[in-house]
């Protein structure tokens, strides 16, 4: 069972990034999936969740700027991040939601001019 994130990097304010999370070792389509982030010195926070049926939830501060989606045929979950702000800088993690929680290793997003 594994989650592997990719797509992070350095971007200027106002820019965009798309994060990907590749899942393996479990029935991906059956699980809700989430993206979390953790900035230095802060607690990890939930950014977005997508259910197995495609319903979504967003943290208020990213609503309208971030979009979570999934491709069950490819076992991928995405986080499209637009209009990025310096306060979005954090390590972003993918998580499988359920009684046994699985985390990825994270991908760093830095928003800076």
Protein backbone atom coordinates (compact mmCIF):
# COMPACT_ATOMS: atom_id res chain seq x y z
CA UNK A 1 0.00 0.00 0.00
CA UNK A 2 1.64 3.24 -1.11
CA UNK A 3 0.95 6.88 -1.95
CA UNK A 4 3.51 8.90 -3.89
CA UNK A 5 3.10 12.65 -4.39
CA UNK A 6 4.68 14.71 -7.13
CA UNK A 7 4.36 18.09 -8.79
CA UNK A 8 5.58 20.44 -6.11
CA UNK A 9 8.06 23.22 -6.71
CA UNK A 10 8.80 26.91 -6.57
CA UNK A 11 6.22 29.24 -8.10
CA UNK A 12 5.63 32.98 -8.04
CA UNK A 13 2.57 34.45 -6.35
CA UNK A 14 -0.42 34.21 -8.67
CA UNK A 15 0.99 31.15 -10.36
CA UNK A 16 -0.32 27.60 -10.63
CA UNK A 17 0.81 24.09 -9.81
CA UNK A 18 -0.81 20.70 -10.15
CA UNK A 19 0.02 18.09 -7.56
CA UNK A 20 -0.46 14.39 -8.26
CA UNK A 21 -0.74 11.45 -5.91
CA UNK A 22 -0.24 7.97 -7.29
CA UNK A 23 -1.88 5.18 -5.28
CA UNK A 24 -1.01 1.52 -5.33
CA UNK A 25 -1.73 -1.64 -3.38
CA UNK A 26 -5.39 -1.05 -2.60
CA UNK A 27 -8.78 -0.59 -4.22
CA UNK A 28 -8.33 3.12 -4.94
CA UNK A 29 -11.84 3.81 -6.23
CA UNK A 30 -13.38 2.66 -2.94
CA UNK A 31 -11.71 5.28 -0.78
CA UNK A 32 -12.04 8.97 -0.11
CA UNK A 33 -8.75 10.76 -0.64
CA UNK A 34 -7.47 13.97 0.92
CA UNK A 35 -4.74 16.54 0.52
CA UNK A 36 -3.21 18.06 3.65
CA UNK A 37 -0.49 20.62 4.11
CA UNK A 38 1.92 21.56 6.85
CA UNK A 39 3.87 24.79 7.00
CA UNK A 40 6.95 25.15 9.22
CA UNK A 41 5.94 25.62 12.85
CA UNK A 42 2.27 24.94 12.12
CA UNK A 43 -0.03 21.97 12.50
CA UNK A 44 -0.97 19.84 9.52
CA UNK A 45 -4.29 21.00 8.07
CA UNK A 46 -6.84 19.47 5.74
CA UNK A 47 -6.88 21.24 2.37
CA UNK A 48 -9.35 19.21 0.33
CA UNK A 49 -11.12 15.85 0.21
CA UNK A 50 -12.79 13.94 -2.58
CA UNK A 51 -15.09 11.02 -1.84
CA UNK A 52 -15.29 7.78 -3.75
CA UNK A 53 -18.35 9.21 -5.49
CA UNK A 54 -16.64 12.50 -6.35
CA UNK A 55 -18.11 14.88 -3.81
CA UNK A 56 -15.61 17.43 -2.56
CA UNK A 57 -14.71 19.51 0.47
CA UNK A 58 -12.31 22.47 0.64
CA UNK A 59 -10.61 24.48 3.32
CA UNK A 60 -12.21 27.92 3.28
CA UNK A 61 -8.96 29.71 2.44
CA UNK A 62 -8.43 27.68 -0.75
CA UNK A 63 -12.01 27.45 -1.98
CA UNK A 64 -12.27 28.88 -5.49
CA UNK A 65 -8.51 28.60 -6.05
CA UNK A 66 -7.82 24.87 -5.59
CA UNK A 67 -9.56 21.95 -7.26
CA UNK A 68 -9.31 18.32 -6.17
CA UNK A 69 -10.06 15.60 -8.68
CA UNK A 70 -9.43 11.91 -9.21
CA UNK A 71 -8.87 9.43 -12.02
CA UNK A 72 -9.95 6.02 -10.80
CA UNK A 73 -8.72 4.32 -13.99
CA UNK A 74 -5.18 5.56 -13.29
CA UNK A 75 -5.32 5.46 -9.47
CA UNK A 76 -4.46 9.13 -9.29
CA UNK A 77 -5.72 12.05 -7.24
CA UNK A 78 -4.86 15.61 -8.20
CA UNK A 79 -4.78 19.00 -6.58
CA UNK A 80 -4.89 21.86 -9.07
CA UNK A 81 -3.71 25.02 -7.32
CA UNK A 82 -4.31 28.39 -8.98
CA UNK A 83 -3.79 31.95 -7.81
CA UNK A 84 -1.19 30.74 -5.36
CA UNK A 85 -0.27 32.93 -2.41
CA UNK A 86 2.85 32.95 -0.21
CA UNK A 87 0.73 31.57 2.63
CA UNK A 88 0.13 28.42 0.56
CA UNK A 89 3.79 27.54 1.06
CA UNK A 90 3.93 24.16 2.80
CA UNK A 91 4.67 20.49 2.45
CA UNK A 92 1.63 18.92 0.82
CA UNK A 93 0.62 15.37 1.68
CA UNK A 94 -1.82 12.91 0.16
CA UNK A 95 -3.85 10.74 2.52
CA UNK A 96 -6.13 7.75 2.16
CA UNK A 97 -9.17 8.25 4.35
CA UNK A 98 -10.41 5.27 6.32
CA UNK A 99 -9.92 3.11 9.40
CA UNK A 100 -6.33 2.51 8.32
CA UNK A 101 -4.82 5.82 7.32
CA UNK A 102 -2.11 5.91 4.70
CA UNK A 103 0.10 8.98 4.09
CA UNK A 104 2.41 9.83 1.27
CA UNK A 105 5.89 11.25 1.79
CA UNK A 106 4.89 14.77 0.76
CA UNK A 107 5.86 17.26 -1.91
CA UNK A 108 7.11 20.77 -1.17
CA UNK A 109 5.28 23.81 -2.53
CA UNK A 110 6.98 27.17 -2.20
CA UNK A 111 5.24 30.36 -3.33
CA UNK A 112 7.68 33.23 -3.48
CA UNK A 113 8.85 36.02 -5.73
